[in-house]
Amino acid sequence: MQWPNRRLGARQSDRRRGFTLIELLVVVVILAIAGMAVIPMMSGTGDLQAISAARIIATDLQYAQNVAITTQELIEVSFDIVTESYDLASKTSGVLQHPMTKEDYVVGFQGQENFDQVDVVSASFGGGEKVAFDELGSPDNGGSVTVQAGSTVYRVDVAPVTGMVTVTQVGP
C-alpha cells in the first residue's frame, strides 16, 4: 500500500537541506550573548589591575606594620613615584628580605606583564613619600597612596594613629 501524499514527503526532505530562519536567529542570539560576556572581560583588565595593585600595597603596608611589632624595630615603606615602586626597610638592617622569595623586599609595577596599565599616581605621608611604623605598629604619619589603571582609581589610606590600612575606589 502506498501513501497518497508521497509527493508531500518529498517536499519535506527538500526543506531539510538548509537552515530555517528560526535556527539562524537562535545561533545569532547565542553568539551575541557570548560576545556580551567576553567583551567586558577584555575591557575590564584595567579595573582588575588597579584593585590588585591597591591590595598588594595595602597588604605590604600591613606586613611592614606587623614586622615592626614583632621585631620591635622601626620599619619604613618608601615609595618612588617615578619608578612606580616601593621597598620595605629596617632603620638598622636596611632593606628587608621578602618572606617568600628571600630577595630584597622591593615591589615595582613598571614593566610587569600583569600590571602594564598600573600607574602609581601619588604617595603622600605627612608631605613625604614614605611611612614608618614603630614598635607598636603606629605610623609616624597618616597618608595615602593613589593607584590608577585606565580610568579606575583606588586610594590606599593609612590612618594616622592606629595605622589601619583601607582601600577605597575614588574613580570610576
N, C-alpha and C. Protein backbone atom coordinates (compact mmCIF):
# COMPACT_ATOMS: atom_id res chain seq x y z
N MET A 1 0.83 -1.17 0.00
CA MET A 1 0.00 0.00 0.00
C MET A 1 0.88 1.24 0.00
N GLN A 2 0.63 2.14 -0.88
CA GLN A 2 1.37 3.39 -0.97
C GLN A 2 0.55 4.50 -0.37
N TRP A 3 1.24 5.41 0.21
CA TRP A 3 0.58 6.56 0.80
C TRP A 3 0.25 7.56 -0.29
N PRO A 4 -0.91 8.13 -0.20
CA PRO A 4 -1.31 9.06 -1.25
C PRO A 4 -0.49 10.36 -1.25
N ASN A 5 0.13 10.74 -0.13
CA ASN A 5 0.87 12.00 -0.06
C ASN A 5 2.37 11.77 -0.22
N ARG A 6 2.74 10.91 -1.09
CA ARG A 6 4.15 10.62 -1.32
C ARG A 6 4.89 11.88 -1.78
N ARG A 7 4.24 12.65 -2.59
CA ARG A 7 4.84 13.88 -3.06
C ARG A 7 5.06 14.87 -1.91
N LEU A 8 4.21 14.90 -0.92
CA LEU A 8 4.36 15.75 0.25
C LEU A 8 5.62 15.37 1.03
N GLY A 9 5.89 14.06 1.14
CA GLY A 9 7.10 13.59 1.80
C GLY A 9 8.34 14.05 1.06
N ALA A 10 8.31 14.13 -0.22
CA ALA A 10 9.45 14.60 -1.00
C ALA A 10 9.71 16.08 -0.72
N ARG A 11 8.65 16.86 -0.59
CA ARG A 11 8.83 18.29 -0.30
C ARG A 11 9.45 18.49 1.09
N GLN A 12 9.09 17.69 2.06
CA GLN A 12 9.65 17.82 3.40
C GLN A 12 11.14 17.51 3.40
N SER A 13 11.58 16.53 2.65
CA SER A 13 13.00 16.22 2.61
C SER A 13 13.77 17.33 1.90
N ASP A 14 13.13 18.03 0.95
CA ASP A 14 13.78 19.16 0.29
C ASP A 14 14.00 20.30 1.28
N ARG A 15 13.10 20.50 2.19
CA ARG A 15 13.21 21.58 3.17
C ARG A 15 14.30 21.28 4.20
N ARG A 16 14.65 20.08 4.43
CA ARG A 16 15.63 19.69 5.44
C ARG A 16 17.07 20.00 5.00
N ARG A 17 17.29 20.39 3.78
CA ARG A 17 18.64 20.61 3.29
C ARG A 17 19.26 21.90 3.83
N GLY A 18 18.52 22.88 4.23
CA GLY A 18 19.04 24.15 4.72
C GLY A 18 18.58 24.43 6.14
N PHE A 19 18.96 25.62 6.65
CA PHE A 19 18.56 26.02 7.98
C PHE A 19 17.33 26.91 7.88
N THR A 20 16.49 26.79 8.88
CA THR A 20 15.31 27.66 8.91
C THR A 20 15.72 29.01 9.48
N LEU A 21 14.88 29.98 9.30
CA LEU A 21 15.12 31.32 9.82
C LEU A 21 15.21 31.29 11.35
N ILE A 22 14.40 30.50 11.99
CA ILE A 22 14.41 30.39 13.45
C ILE A 22 15.74 29.81 13.93
N GLU A 23 16.25 28.79 13.26
CA GLU A 23 17.53 28.20 13.64
C GLU A 23 18.66 29.23 13.51
N LEU A 24 18.67 29.99 12.46
CA LEU A 24 19.68 31.02 12.27
C LEU A 24 19.58 32.11 13.33
N LEU A 25 18.36 32.52 13.68
CA LEU A 25 18.18 33.53 14.71
C LEU A 25 18.66 33.03 16.07
N VAL A 26 18.41 31.77 16.38
CA VAL A 26 18.86 31.20 17.65
C VAL A 26 20.39 31.24 17.73
N VAL A 27 21.07 30.88 16.65
CA VAL A 27 22.53 30.90 16.61
C VAL A 27 23.05 32.32 16.79
N VAL A 28 22.44 33.28 16.11
CA VAL A 28 22.86 34.68 16.22
C VAL A 28 22.67 35.18 17.65
N VAL A 29 21.57 34.84 18.29
CA VAL A 29 21.31 35.26 19.67
C VAL A 29 22.35 34.64 20.61
N ILE A 30 22.68 33.39 20.44
CA ILE A 30 23.69 32.73 21.28
C ILE A 30 25.05 33.40 21.11
N LEU A 31 25.43 33.70 19.88
CA LEU A 31 26.70 34.39 19.64
C LEU A 31 26.71 35.79 20.24
N ALA A 32 25.58 36.48 20.19
CA ALA A 32 25.50 37.82 20.77
C ALA A 32 25.66 37.77 22.29
N ILE A 33 25.04 36.80 22.91
CA ILE A 33 25.16 36.64 24.37
C ILE A 33 26.61 36.30 24.75
N ALA A 34 27.24 35.42 23.99
CA ALA A 34 28.63 35.07 24.26
C ALA A 34 29.53 36.29 24.07
N GLY A 35 29.27 37.08 23.06
CA GLY A 35 30.04 38.30 22.82
C GLY A 35 29.88 39.30 23.94
N MET A 36 28.67 39.44 24.47
CA MET A 36 28.45 40.38 25.57
C MET A 36 29.18 39.92 26.84
N ALA A 37 29.39 38.64 26.99
CA ALA A 37 30.10 38.14 28.16
C ALA A 37 31.61 38.31 28.01
N VAL A 38 32.13 38.21 26.81
CA VAL A 38 33.57 38.26 26.59
C VAL A 38 34.09 39.70 26.54
N ILE A 39 33.41 40.60 25.91
CA ILE A 39 33.90 41.98 25.73
C ILE A 39 34.14 42.69 27.05
N PRO A 40 33.25 42.64 28.04
CA PRO A 40 33.57 43.31 29.32
C PRO A 40 34.80 42.72 30.00
N MET A 41 35.02 41.43 29.86
CA MET A 41 36.18 40.82 30.48
C MET A 41 37.46 41.33 29.83
N MET A 42 37.44 41.57 28.54
CA MET A 42 38.62 42.07 27.85
C MET A 42 38.86 43.54 28.19
N SER A 43 37.82 44.32 28.28
CA SER A 43 38.00 45.75 28.52
C SER A 43 38.13 46.08 30.01
N GLY A 44 37.83 45.15 30.89
CA GLY A 44 37.87 45.41 32.32
C GLY A 44 39.19 45.07 32.98
N THR A 45 40.26 44.81 32.20
CA THR A 45 41.53 44.43 32.82
C THR A 45 42.15 45.58 33.60
N GLY A 46 41.95 46.82 33.16
CA GLY A 46 42.49 47.96 33.90
C GLY A 46 41.90 48.04 35.30
N ASP A 47 40.61 47.79 35.40
CA ASP A 47 39.93 47.80 36.69
C ASP A 47 40.53 46.72 37.61
N LEU A 48 40.74 45.53 37.06
CA LEU A 48 41.31 44.44 37.86
C LEU A 48 42.75 44.73 38.25
N GLN A 49 43.51 45.33 37.33
CA GLN A 49 44.90 45.66 37.64
C GLN A 49 44.98 46.71 38.74
N ALA A 50 44.10 47.69 38.69
CA ALA A 50 44.11 48.76 39.70
C ALA A 50 43.79 48.21 41.08
N ILE A 51 42.75 47.41 41.20
CA ILE A 51 42.39 46.88 42.52
C ILE A 51 43.44 45.89 43.01
N SER A 52 44.04 45.13 42.11
CA SER A 52 45.09 44.20 42.52
C SER A 52 46.31 44.94 43.04
N ALA A 53 46.72 46.00 42.35
CA ALA A 53 47.86 46.79 42.80
C ALA A 53 47.57 47.45 44.15
N ALA A 54 46.37 47.99 44.31
CA ALA A 54 45.99 48.62 45.58
C ALA A 54 46.00 47.60 46.72
N ARG A 55 45.53 46.40 46.46
CA ARG A 55 45.51 45.37 47.51
C ARG A 55 46.91 44.89 47.85
N ILE A 56 47.79 44.83 46.85
CA ILE A 56 49.18 44.45 47.12
C ILE A 56 49.84 45.49 48.02
N ILE A 57 49.64 46.76 47.69
CA ILE A 57 50.21 47.84 48.50
C ILE A 57 49.66 47.79 49.93
N ALA A 58 48.34 47.60 50.05
CA ALA A 58 47.72 47.54 51.38
C ALA A 58 48.28 46.36 52.19
N THR A 59 48.43 45.23 51.56
CA THR A 59 48.96 44.05 52.24
C THR A 59 50.40 44.27 52.68
N ASP A 60 51.20 44.90 51.82
CA ASP A 60 52.60 45.16 52.18
C ASP A 60 52.72 46.19 53.29
N LEU A 61 51.83 47.17 53.31
CA LEU A 61 51.83 48.13 54.43
C LEU A 61 51.48 47.43 55.74
N GLN A 62 50.52 46.52 55.70
CA GLN A 62 50.16 45.77 56.90
C GLN A 62 51.30 44.83 57.31
N TYR A 63 51.98 44.27 56.34
CA TYR A 63 53.12 43.40 56.64
C TYR A 63 54.22 44.20 57.34
N ALA A 64 54.52 45.40 56.82
CA ALA A 64 55.54 46.25 57.43
C ALA A 64 55.15 46.59 58.87
N GLN A 65 53.88 46.86 59.07
CA GLN A 65 53.38 47.16 60.42
C GLN A 65 53.59 45.96 61.35
N ASN A 66 53.27 44.77 60.88
CA ASN A 66 53.43 43.55 61.68
C ASN A 66 54.90 43.24 61.97
N VAL A 67 55.77 43.47 60.99
CA VAL A 67 57.21 43.25 61.21
C VAL A 67 57.72 44.22 62.26
N ALA A 68 57.26 45.46 62.21
CA ALA A 68 57.67 46.46 63.20
C ALA A 68 57.28 46.01 64.62
N ILE A 69 56.10 45.46 64.75
CA ILE A 69 55.63 44.99 66.06
C ILE A 69 56.43 43.79 66.53
N THR A 70 56.65 42.81 65.65
CA THR A 70 57.33 41.58 66.06
C THR A 70 58.83 41.77 66.29
N THR A 71 59.47 42.62 65.50
CA THR A 71 60.91 42.83 65.67
C THR A 71 61.23 43.97 66.62
N GLN A 72 60.21 44.77 66.97
CA GLN A 72 60.38 45.94 67.83
C GLN A 72 61.39 46.93 67.22
N GLU A 73 61.32 47.06 65.88
CA GLU A 73 62.17 47.99 65.14
C GLU A 73 61.30 48.93 64.33
N LEU A 74 61.87 50.05 63.95
CA LEU A 74 61.18 50.99 63.06
C LEU A 74 61.30 50.46 61.64
N ILE A 75 60.16 50.23 60.98
CA ILE A 75 60.13 49.72 59.60
C ILE A 75 59.55 50.80 58.70
N GLU A 76 60.27 51.11 57.63
CA GLU A 76 59.84 52.14 56.68
C GLU A 76 59.38 51.52 55.37
N VAL A 77 58.34 52.12 54.81
CA VAL A 77 57.90 51.78 53.46
C VAL A 77 58.10 53.05 52.64
N SER A 78 59.03 53.00 51.69
CA SER A 78 59.39 54.17 50.89
C SER A 78 58.90 53.99 49.46
N PHE A 79 58.13 54.94 48.98
CA PHE A 79 57.57 54.90 47.63
C PHE A 79 58.40 55.77 46.70
N ASP A 80 58.56 55.30 45.45
CA ASP A 80 59.21 56.07 44.40
C ASP A 80 58.22 56.18 43.25
N ILE A 81 57.61 57.34 43.10
CA ILE A 81 56.56 57.54 42.10
C ILE A 81 57.11 57.43 40.67
N VAL A 82 58.34 57.88 40.47
CA VAL A 82 58.94 57.86 39.13
C VAL A 82 59.09 56.44 38.61
N THR A 83 59.60 55.54 39.45
CA THR A 83 59.79 54.15 39.03
C THR A 83 58.59 53.27 39.36
N GLU A 84 57.57 53.87 39.98
CA GLU A 84 56.35 53.15 40.37
C GLU A 84 56.70 51.91 41.20
N SER A 85 57.52 52.15 42.24
CA SER A 85 57.96 51.05 43.08
C SER A 85 58.02 51.51 44.54
N TYR A 86 58.22 50.55 45.43
CA TYR A 86 58.40 50.84 46.85
C TYR A 86 59.20 49.72 47.48
N ASP A 87 59.80 50.03 48.63
CA ASP A 87 60.55 49.00 49.34
C ASP A 87 60.23 49.06 50.82
N LEU A 88 60.47 47.95 51.49
CA LEU A 88 60.30 47.85 52.93
C LEU A 88 61.69 47.71 53.53
N ALA A 89 62.01 48.57 54.50
CA ALA A 89 63.35 48.55 55.08
C ALA A 89 63.30 48.80 56.58
N SER A 90 64.30 48.26 57.25
CA SER A 90 64.51 48.48 58.67
C SER A 90 65.52 49.61 58.82
N LYS A 91 65.34 50.44 59.84
CA LYS A 91 66.29 51.53 60.08
C LYS A 91 67.68 50.97 60.39
N THR A 92 67.74 49.80 61.01
CA THR A 92 69.04 49.26 61.44
C THR A 92 69.67 48.31 60.43
N SER A 93 68.87 47.47 59.76
CA SER A 93 69.46 46.45 58.89
C SER A 93 69.21 46.67 57.40
N GLY A 94 68.59 47.74 57.00
CA GLY A 94 68.39 48.03 55.58
C GLY A 94 67.15 47.34 55.01
N VAL A 95 67.17 47.12 53.70
CA VAL A 95 66.01 46.54 53.01
C VAL A 95 65.72 45.15 53.54
N LEU A 96 64.43 44.92 53.86
CA LEU A 96 64.02 43.61 54.37
C LEU A 96 64.08 42.56 53.27
N GLN A 97 64.12 41.30 53.67
CA GLN A 97 64.02 40.21 52.72
C GLN A 97 62.56 39.81 52.61
N HIS A 98 62.12 39.56 51.38
CA HIS A 98 60.74 39.10 51.16
C HIS A 98 60.62 37.70 51.75
N PRO A 99 59.57 37.42 52.52
CA PRO A 99 59.46 36.11 53.18
C PRO A 99 59.31 34.94 52.21
N MET A 100 58.81 35.20 51.00
CA MET A 100 58.61 34.11 50.04
C MET A 100 59.81 33.93 49.11
N THR A 101 60.28 35.02 48.52
CA THR A 101 61.34 34.93 47.52
C THR A 101 62.74 34.99 48.12
N LYS A 102 62.85 35.46 49.36
CA LYS A 102 64.12 35.63 50.06
C LYS A 102 65.03 36.65 49.36
N GLU A 103 64.44 37.50 48.54
CA GLU A 103 65.18 38.58 47.89
C GLU A 103 64.79 39.89 48.55
N ASP A 104 65.45 40.98 48.15
CA ASP A 104 65.12 42.29 48.72
C ASP A 104 63.64 42.58 48.52
N TYR A 105 63.02 43.14 49.56
CA TYR A 105 61.58 43.44 49.52
C TYR A 105 61.36 44.75 48.77
N VAL A 106 61.45 44.66 47.45
CA VAL A 106 61.21 45.80 46.57
C VAL A 106 60.11 45.38 45.60
N VAL A 107 59.05 46.19 45.54
CA VAL A 107 57.91 45.88 44.67
C VAL A 107 57.82 46.98 43.62
N GLY A 108 57.80 46.56 42.36
CA GLY A 108 57.66 47.52 41.26
C GLY A 108 56.60 47.07 40.28
N PHE A 109 55.78 48.00 39.84
CA PHE A 109 54.72 47.67 38.90
C PHE A 109 55.14 47.93 37.45
N GLN A 110 56.13 48.80 37.27
CA GLN A 110 56.57 49.17 35.93
C GLN A 110 57.25 47.97 35.28
N GLY A 111 56.81 47.63 34.07
CA GLY A 111 57.42 46.53 33.33
C GLY A 111 56.87 45.16 33.67
N GLN A 112 55.97 45.05 34.62
CA GLN A 112 55.37 43.76 34.94
C GLN A 112 54.20 43.50 34.00
N GLU A 113 54.14 42.30 33.46
CA GLU A 113 53.14 41.95 32.45
C GLU A 113 51.71 42.12 32.96
N ASN A 114 51.43 41.70 34.17
CA ASN A 114 50.07 41.75 34.70
C ASN A 114 49.68 43.12 35.24
N PHE A 115 50.63 44.05 35.26
CA PHE A 115 50.36 45.39 35.77
C PHE A 115 50.79 46.47 34.77
N ASP A 116 50.65 46.16 33.48
CA ASP A 116 51.13 47.09 32.45
C ASP A 116 50.33 48.38 32.38
N GLN A 117 49.11 48.41 32.90
CA GLN A 117 48.30 49.62 32.88
C GLN A 117 48.36 50.40 34.19
N VAL A 118 49.02 49.85 35.21
CA VAL A 118 49.03 50.46 36.54
C VAL A 118 49.98 51.65 36.60
N ASP A 119 49.51 52.72 37.20
CA ASP A 119 50.31 53.91 37.42
C ASP A 119 50.16 54.32 38.88
N VAL A 120 51.28 54.38 39.62
CA VAL A 120 51.25 54.87 40.99
C VAL A 120 51.27 56.39 40.88
N VAL A 121 50.11 56.99 41.09
CA VAL A 121 49.93 58.42 40.86
C VAL A 121 50.58 59.26 41.95
N SER A 122 50.38 58.89 43.20
CA SER A 122 50.94 59.68 44.29
C SER A 122 51.11 58.84 45.55
N ALA A 123 52.01 59.30 46.39
CA ALA A 123 52.20 58.73 47.72
C ALA A 123 52.51 59.91 48.63
N SER A 124 51.65 60.14 49.60
CA SER A 124 51.83 61.30 50.47
C SER A 124 51.59 60.91 51.92
N PHE A 125 52.66 60.99 52.70
CA PHE A 125 52.60 60.69 54.13
C PHE A 125 53.26 61.85 54.87
N GLY A 126 52.47 62.78 55.34
CA GLY A 126 53.00 63.93 56.05
C GLY A 126 53.93 64.77 55.19
N GLY A 127 53.65 64.85 53.91
CA GLY A 127 54.47 65.64 52.99
C GLY A 127 55.57 64.86 52.31
N GLY A 128 55.83 63.64 52.73
CA GLY A 128 56.87 62.82 52.10
C GLY A 128 56.28 61.61 51.41
N GLU A 129 57.16 60.80 50.84
CA GLU A 129 56.73 59.60 50.12
C GLU A 129 57.05 58.33 50.89
N LYS A 130 57.17 58.43 52.21
CA LYS A 130 57.42 57.22 53.00
C LYS A 130 56.69 57.29 54.33
N VAL A 131 56.41 56.11 54.84
CA VAL A 131 55.76 55.99 56.14
C VAL A 131 56.57 54.99 56.96
N ALA A 132 56.72 55.29 58.24
CA ALA A 132 57.47 54.40 59.14
C ALA A 132 56.55 53.93 60.26
N PHE A 133 56.62 52.63 60.55
CA PHE A 133 55.84 52.04 61.63
C PHE A 133 56.76 51.77 62.82
N ASP A 134 56.31 52.17 64.02
CA ASP A 134 57.14 51.96 65.21
C ASP A 134 56.84 50.60 65.84
N GLU A 135 57.45 50.33 67.00
CA GLU A 135 57.32 49.01 67.65
C GLU A 135 55.90 48.69 68.11
N LEU A 136 55.03 49.69 68.13
CA LEU A 136 53.62 49.45 68.47
C LEU A 136 52.74 49.33 67.21
N GLY A 137 53.36 49.48 66.03
CA GLY A 137 52.61 49.40 64.77
C GLY A 137 51.97 50.72 64.39
N SER A 138 52.30 51.78 65.10
CA SER A 138 51.73 53.09 64.82
C SER A 138 52.59 53.81 63.77
N PRO A 139 51.95 54.41 62.77
CA PRO A 139 52.73 55.11 61.74
C PRO A 139 53.21 56.48 62.24
N ASP A 140 54.32 56.95 61.68
CA ASP A 140 54.79 58.28 62.04
C ASP A 140 53.89 59.36 61.45
N ASN A 141 53.26 59.07 60.33
CA ASN A 141 52.31 59.98 59.67
C ASN A 141 51.22 59.17 59.00
N GLY A 142 50.03 59.69 59.00
CA GLY A 142 48.98 59.10 58.20
C GLY A 142 49.17 59.58 56.77
N GLY A 143 48.54 58.92 55.84
CA GLY A 143 48.65 59.35 54.45
C GLY A 143 48.00 58.35 53.52
N SER A 144 48.33 58.50 52.24
CA SER A 144 47.70 57.63 51.25
C SER A 144 48.59 57.44 50.02
N VAL A 145 48.29 56.37 49.31
CA VAL A 145 48.91 56.06 48.02
C VAL A 145 47.77 55.94 47.02
N THR A 146 47.90 56.59 45.87
CA THR A 146 46.87 56.54 44.84
C THR A 146 47.38 55.75 43.65
N VAL A 147 46.57 54.79 43.21
CA VAL A 147 46.91 53.91 42.09
C VAL A 147 45.84 54.05 41.02
N GLN A 148 46.27 54.10 39.76
CA GLN A 148 45.32 54.25 38.65
C GLN A 148 45.68 53.27 37.54
N ALA A 149 44.65 52.72 36.91
CA ALA A 149 44.80 51.90 35.70
C ALA A 149 43.62 52.25 34.80
N GLY A 150 43.91 52.86 33.66
CA GLY A 150 42.84 53.35 32.81
C GLY A 150 42.12 54.48 33.53
N SER A 151 40.82 54.38 33.60
CA SER A 151 40.05 55.41 34.30
C SER A 151 39.73 55.02 35.74
N THR A 152 40.17 53.84 36.17
CA THR A 152 39.89 53.35 37.51
C THR A 152 40.97 53.80 38.49
N VAL A 153 40.54 54.41 39.58
CA VAL A 153 41.47 54.95 40.58
C VAL A 153 41.13 54.39 41.96
N TYR A 154 42.16 53.91 42.66
CA TYR A 154 42.00 53.44 44.04
C TYR A 154 42.98 54.18 44.93
N ARG A 155 42.57 54.39 46.18
CA ARG A 155 43.42 55.04 47.17
C ARG A 155 43.61 54.10 48.35
N VAL A 156 44.85 53.92 48.75
CA VAL A 156 45.18 53.12 49.93
C VAL A 156 45.52 54.10 51.04
N ASP A 157 44.73 54.09 52.10
CA ASP A 157 44.91 55.03 53.20
C ASP A 157 45.51 54.34 54.42
N VAL A 158 46.39 55.07 55.12
CA VAL A 158 46.93 54.63 56.39
C VAL A 158 46.47 55.64 57.43
N ALA A 159 45.70 55.18 58.42
CA ALA A 159 45.17 56.08 59.46
C ALA A 159 46.33 56.60 60.33
N PRO A 160 46.28 57.86 60.73
CA PRO A 160 47.40 58.49 61.44
C PRO A 160 47.82 57.83 62.75
N VAL A 161 46.95 57.48 63.62
CA VAL A 161 47.33 56.97 64.94
C VAL A 161 47.32 55.45 64.98
N THR A 162 46.27 54.86 64.45
CA THR A 162 46.11 53.41 64.55
C THR A 162 46.89 52.65 63.50
N GLY A 163 47.16 53.27 62.37
CA GLY A 163 47.83 52.58 61.27
C GLY A 163 46.90 51.67 60.49
N MET A 164 45.60 51.81 60.70
CA MET A 164 44.64 50.99 59.97
C MET A 164 44.75 51.29 58.47
N VAL A 165 44.85 50.22 57.68
CA VAL A 165 45.01 50.35 56.23
C VAL A 165 43.69 50.02 55.55
N THR A 166 43.21 50.94 54.69
CA THR A 166 41.97 50.71 53.96
C THR A 166 42.19 51.01 52.47
N VAL A 167 41.39 50.36 51.64
CA VAL A 167 41.41 50.57 50.19
C VAL A 167 40.05 51.12 49.78
N THR A 168 40.07 52.23 49.03
CA THR A 168 38.84 52.88 48.60
C THR A 168 38.92 53.21 47.12
N GLN A 169 37.85 52.90 46.39
CA GLN A 169 37.79 53.30 44.99
C GLN A 169 37.37 54.76 44.93
N VAL A 170 38.16 55.59 44.25
CA VAL A 170 37.85 57.02 44.17
C VAL A 170 37.51 57.47 42.76
N GLY A 171 37.71 56.62 41.78
CA GLY A 171 37.37 56.93 40.39
C GLY A 171 36.51 55.84 39.81
N PRO A 172 35.97 56.08 38.63
CA PRO A 172 35.03 55.11 38.05
C PRO A 172 35.57 53.77 37.94
